[in-house]
Amino acid sequence: MTLTLHYAPDNASLIVRLALEEANLPYRTVLVDRKTRAQDGPAYRALNPAGLIPVLETPQGPIFETGAILLWLSEQAPGLAPAPGDARRGAFLTWLFFTSNTLHTGLRMTFYPEKYAGPDTQAQAALRTTVQTRLTGDLGLIDAAYGAEAPFFIGDTPCLLDLYLAPLLRWCALYPDGQTGWFDLARYPRLARMVHALEQRPATHAAQRAEGLGPAPFTAPIHANPPEGSAT
């Protein structure tokens, strides 16, 4: 089974790439060129009518929505998540959906406030400030949910929640330009420990090479310099 990941560098597809690499699943990539708005073209919209990145093509057809892709991958590579019946599964699912529905959605509001507040720049600024304040608390909740000893959420190896959170923490520090003063990774010591451990993994090294993420993509992120495509 070879999967096809439709991706743009340093976009939500990075989360899926990390999962594919961590699971050692064979896959190929197809660039979605954001510079030409390829995500709005008919070929891509046939895969994802919402026009969002990523899409993962599977033997069962294309899957979009990051959370849905990750849950599908957990069925192909059981080590990425606690199995049904595992005492840790409820907490894992709770925080996975919190990350997808609350944290990721909140970040999108700060990246693209015009989509939510309209064209008025004052309204956009007010929305961004409100959401960033809320995100500070949300990250604190997730940090507290991590254990005090093991680096990752379910132990000594990453699960899908870790792989989802790491790129989001990266983007908190990078975007929007000049509007990231609210975020300090040091305020979340357990999440900081997790991303530091994740940076040592071969999956992260593969993503760094493929997407030009720099030497410390999660603990000291810099803007991506990818070999193809654009992050914005």
Protein backbone atom coordinates (compact mmCIF):
# COMPACT_ATOMS: atom_id res chain seq x y z
CA MET A 1 0.00 0.00 0.00
CA THR A 2 1.53 3.28 -1.13
CA LEU A 3 -0.23 6.43 0.01
CA THR A 4 -0.17 9.85 -1.64
CA LEU A 5 0.15 12.96 0.49
CA HIS A 6 -0.90 16.20 -1.16
CA TYR A 7 1.14 18.75 0.74
CA ALA A 8 2.53 22.25 0.99
CA PRO A 9 5.69 22.89 3.02
CA ASP A 10 5.14 23.73 6.68
CA ASN A 11 1.38 23.44 6.35
CA ALA A 12 -0.94 21.03 8.16
CA SER A 13 0.39 18.32 5.84
CA LEU A 14 3.56 18.42 7.96
CA ILE A 15 1.59 16.74 10.75
CA VAL A 16 0.62 13.92 8.41
CA ARG A 17 4.14 13.61 7.02
CA LEU A 18 5.49 13.16 10.56
CA ALA A 19 2.92 10.43 11.22
CA LEU A 20 3.72 8.60 7.98
CA GLU A 21 7.43 8.77 8.73
CA GLU A 22 7.01 7.68 12.34
CA ALA A 23 4.92 4.70 11.20
CA ASN A 24 7.31 3.81 8.35
CA LEU A 25 4.40 3.70 5.91
CA PRO A 26 5.31 3.99 2.22
CA TYR A 27 4.07 7.19 0.65
CA ARG A 28 4.74 9.66 -2.11
CA THR A 29 4.10 13.40 -2.10
CA VAL A 30 2.41 15.74 -4.54
CA LEU A 31 3.05 19.46 -4.09
CA VAL A 32 0.04 21.74 -3.76
CA ASP A 33 1.49 25.02 -5.01
CA ARG A 34 0.08 27.75 -2.79
CA LYS A 35 1.71 30.47 -4.92
CA THR A 36 -0.64 29.57 -7.77
CA ARG A 37 -3.55 28.72 -5.46
CA ALA A 38 -3.51 25.13 -6.68
CA GLN A 39 -5.74 24.22 -3.72
CA ASP A 40 -8.55 26.13 -5.45
CA GLY A 41 -8.14 24.33 -8.78
CA PRO A 42 -10.62 21.71 -10.01
CA ALA A 43 -8.16 18.81 -9.71
CA TYR A 44 -7.52 19.45 -6.04
CA ARG A 45 -11.13 20.31 -5.28
CA ALA A 46 -12.10 16.93 -6.69
CA LEU A 47 -10.08 15.42 -3.84
CA ASN A 48 -11.04 17.95 -1.16
CA PRO A 49 -14.07 20.11 -1.96
CA ALA A 50 -13.14 22.40 0.96
CA GLY A 51 -9.84 23.27 -0.73
CA LEU A 52 -7.76 22.84 2.41
CA ILE A 53 -4.37 21.16 2.75
CA PRO A 54 -3.72 18.23 3.21
CA VAL A 55 -5.33 15.36 1.39
CA LEU A 56 -4.18 11.78 1.81
CA GLU A 57 -5.07 9.42 -1.03
CA THR A 58 -5.64 5.90 0.25
CA PRO A 59 -6.92 2.61 -1.22
CA GLN A 60 -10.32 3.58 0.25
CA GLY A 61 -10.26 6.96 -1.48
CA PRO A 62 -9.07 10.45 -0.53
CA ILE A 63 -9.26 11.61 3.09
CA PHE A 64 -9.14 15.22 4.20
CA GLU A 65 -9.30 16.96 7.58
CA THR A 66 -6.14 16.44 9.62
CA GLY A 67 -7.86 14.71 12.53
CA ALA A 68 -9.64 12.27 10.22
CA ILE A 69 -6.40 11.41 8.44
CA LEU A 70 -4.63 10.79 11.74
CA LEU A 71 -7.36 8.49 13.02
CA TRP A 72 -7.26 6.53 9.75
CA LEU A 73 -3.49 6.21 10.07
CA SER A 74 -3.86 4.94 13.62
CA GLU A 75 -5.78 1.98 12.16
CA GLN A 76 -2.95 1.22 9.75
CA ALA A 77 -0.14 1.65 12.30
CA PRO A 78 -1.48 0.76 15.76
CA GLY A 79 1.63 2.00 17.54
CA LEU A 80 0.64 5.59 16.81
CA ALA A 81 -2.25 5.57 19.31
CA PRO A 82 -3.55 3.60 22.28
CA ALA A 83 -5.69 0.73 21.04
CA PRO A 84 -9.41 0.42 21.84
CA GLY A 85 -9.64 -0.96 25.35
CA ASP A 86 -6.37 0.63 26.43
CA ALA A 87 -6.92 2.68 29.59
CA ARG A 88 -5.10 5.62 27.95
CA ARG A 89 -7.33 5.78 24.87
CA GLY A 90 -10.01 8.06 26.30
CA ALA A 91 -7.50 10.72 27.34
CA PHE A 92 -5.70 10.39 24.02
CA LEU A 93 -8.91 10.93 22.02
CA THR A 94 -9.99 13.80 24.27
CA TRP A 95 -6.80 15.76 23.73
CA LEU A 96 -6.49 14.82 20.06
CA PHE A 97 -9.91 16.30 19.36
CA PHE A 98 -9.23 19.27 21.62
CA THR A 99 -6.08 19.93 19.59
CA SER A 100 -7.94 19.63 16.30
CA ASN A 101 -11.17 21.42 17.16
CA THR A 102 -9.95 24.06 19.61
CA LEU A 103 -6.21 24.68 19.34
CA HIS A 104 -5.77 24.28 15.58
CA THR A 105 -8.96 26.21 14.86
CA GLY A 106 -7.86 29.02 17.16
CA LEU A 107 -4.51 29.29 15.41
CA ARG A 108 -6.23 29.56 12.04
CA MET A 109 -8.23 32.48 13.41
CA THR A 110 -5.00 34.29 14.32
CA PHE A 111 -3.42 33.50 10.95
CA TYR A 112 -6.43 34.54 8.88
CA PRO A 113 -8.55 36.90 11.03
CA GLU A 114 -10.11 38.44 7.92
CA LYS A 115 -11.92 35.15 7.29
CA TYR A 116 -13.66 35.46 10.64
CA ALA A 117 -13.84 39.19 11.43
CA GLY A 118 -14.23 40.64 7.95
CA PRO A 119 -12.17 43.43 6.34
CA ASP A 120 -12.06 45.83 9.29
CA THR A 121 -8.48 45.81 10.60
CA GLN A 122 -9.47 46.87 14.12
CA ALA A 123 -11.91 43.98 14.33
CA GLN A 124 -9.20 41.64 13.08
CA ALA A 125 -6.74 42.87 15.72
CA ALA A 126 -9.32 42.50 18.46
CA LEU A 127 -10.13 38.96 17.38
CA ARG A 128 -6.47 38.00 17.26
CA THR A 129 -5.85 39.36 20.77
CA THR A 130 -8.88 37.57 22.19
CA VAL A 131 -7.98 34.26 20.58
CA GLN A 132 -4.32 34.44 21.57
CA THR A 133 -5.33 34.99 25.18
CA ARG A 134 -7.53 31.92 24.99
CA LEU A 135 -4.79 29.88 23.31
CA THR A 136 -2.44 30.65 26.19
CA GLY A 137 -4.86 28.93 28.53
CA ASP A 138 -5.55 26.08 26.11
CA LEU A 139 -1.85 25.27 25.85
CA GLY A 140 -1.63 25.30 29.63
CA LEU A 141 -4.39 22.70 29.81
CA ILE A 142 -2.62 20.44 27.33
CA ASP A 143 0.72 20.87 29.11
CA ALA A 144 -0.87 19.82 32.39
CA ALA A 145 -2.33 16.71 30.72
CA TYR A 146 1.13 15.36 29.96
CA GLY A 147 2.83 13.10 32.49
CA ALA A 148 5.68 14.33 34.66
CA GLU A 149 8.23 11.72 33.51
CA ALA A 150 7.81 10.26 30.01
CA PRO A 151 8.60 12.65 27.15
CA PHE A 152 5.57 11.75 25.05
CA PHE A 153 1.88 11.62 25.87
CA ILE A 154 1.62 7.84 26.16
CA GLY A 155 5.20 6.99 27.07
CA ASP A 156 8.62 6.78 25.50
CA THR A 157 7.54 6.83 21.83
CA PRO A 158 5.48 9.48 20.04
CA CYS A 159 1.78 9.14 19.44
CA LEU A 160 -0.39 11.09 17.03
CA LEU A 161 -1.13 13.75 19.63
CA ASP A 162 2.57 14.58 19.97
CA LEU A 163 2.98 14.69 16.19
CA TYR A 164 -0.02 17.02 15.89
CA LEU A 165 1.05 19.39 18.65
CA ALA A 166 4.66 19.88 17.57
CA PRO A 167 3.92 21.73 14.30
CA LEU A 168 1.25 23.81 16.04
CA LEU A 169 3.77 24.91 18.65
CA ARG A 170 6.17 25.75 15.83
CA TRP A 171 3.57 27.97 14.18
CA CYS A 172 2.74 29.70 17.46
CA ALA A 173 6.31 31.00 17.44
CA LEU A 174 6.36 31.99 13.75
CA TYR A 175 3.00 33.30 12.60
CA PRO A 176 1.76 35.89 12.00
CA ASP A 177 4.98 37.84 11.57
CA GLY A 178 5.34 40.37 14.37
CA GLN A 179 2.30 39.00 16.24
CA THR A 180 3.83 36.13 18.24
CA GLY A 181 4.81 37.90 21.46
CA TRP A 182 2.04 36.11 23.34
CA PHE A 183 3.79 32.73 22.97
CA ASP A 184 6.71 31.40 25.01
CA LEU A 185 7.42 27.67 24.80
CA ALA A 186 9.17 27.81 28.19
CA ARG A 187 5.79 28.43 29.82
CA TYR A 188 4.83 24.87 28.89
CA PRO A 189 7.69 22.72 30.22
CA ARG A 190 6.14 19.35 29.44
CA LEU A 191 5.34 20.33 25.87
CA ALA A 192 8.86 21.77 25.56
CA ARG A 193 10.29 18.45 26.74
CA MET A 194 8.13 16.61 24.22
CA VAL A 195 9.16 18.66 21.19
CA HIS A 196 12.82 18.50 22.20
CA ALA A 197 12.56 14.70 22.25
CA LEU A 198 10.70 14.70 18.94
CA GLU A 199 13.52 16.67 17.31
CA GLN A 200 15.80 13.69 17.93
CA ARG A 201 13.58 11.31 15.95
CA PRO A 202 14.32 10.13 12.38
CA ALA A 203 10.78 11.16 11.38
CA THR A 204 11.55 14.77 12.25
CA HIS A 205 14.88 14.63 10.42
CA ALA A 206 13.10 13.39 7.28
CA ALA A 207 10.57 16.23 7.50
CA GLN A 208 13.35 18.77 8.03
CA ARG A 209 15.05 17.66 4.82
CA ALA A 210 11.85 17.47 2.80
CA GLU A 211 10.42 20.82 3.88
CA GLY A 212 13.45 22.92 4.79
CA LEU A 213 12.45 23.36 8.43
CA GLY A 214 15.85 24.29 9.85
CA PRO A 215 17.99 22.67 12.56
CA ALA A 216 15.57 22.96 15.51
CA PRO A 217 12.11 23.11 13.94
CA PHE A 218 10.11 22.95 17.17
CA THR A 219 12.31 24.36 19.94
CA ALA A 220 13.87 27.24 17.95
CA PRO A 221 11.85 27.49 14.74
CA ILE A 222 12.79 29.60 11.73
CA HIS A 223 10.80 30.15 8.58
CA ALA A 224 10.90 27.20 6.22
CA ASN A 225 13.17 27.24 3.20
CA PRO A 226 11.76 24.29 1.26
CA PRO A 227 13.32 22.72 -1.82
CA GLU A 228 9.98 23.11 -3.60
CA GLY A 229 6.81 25.08 -3.05
CA SER A 230 5.98 27.72 -0.47
CA ALA A 231 4.73 27.66 3.10
CA THR A 232 2.47 30.66 2.47
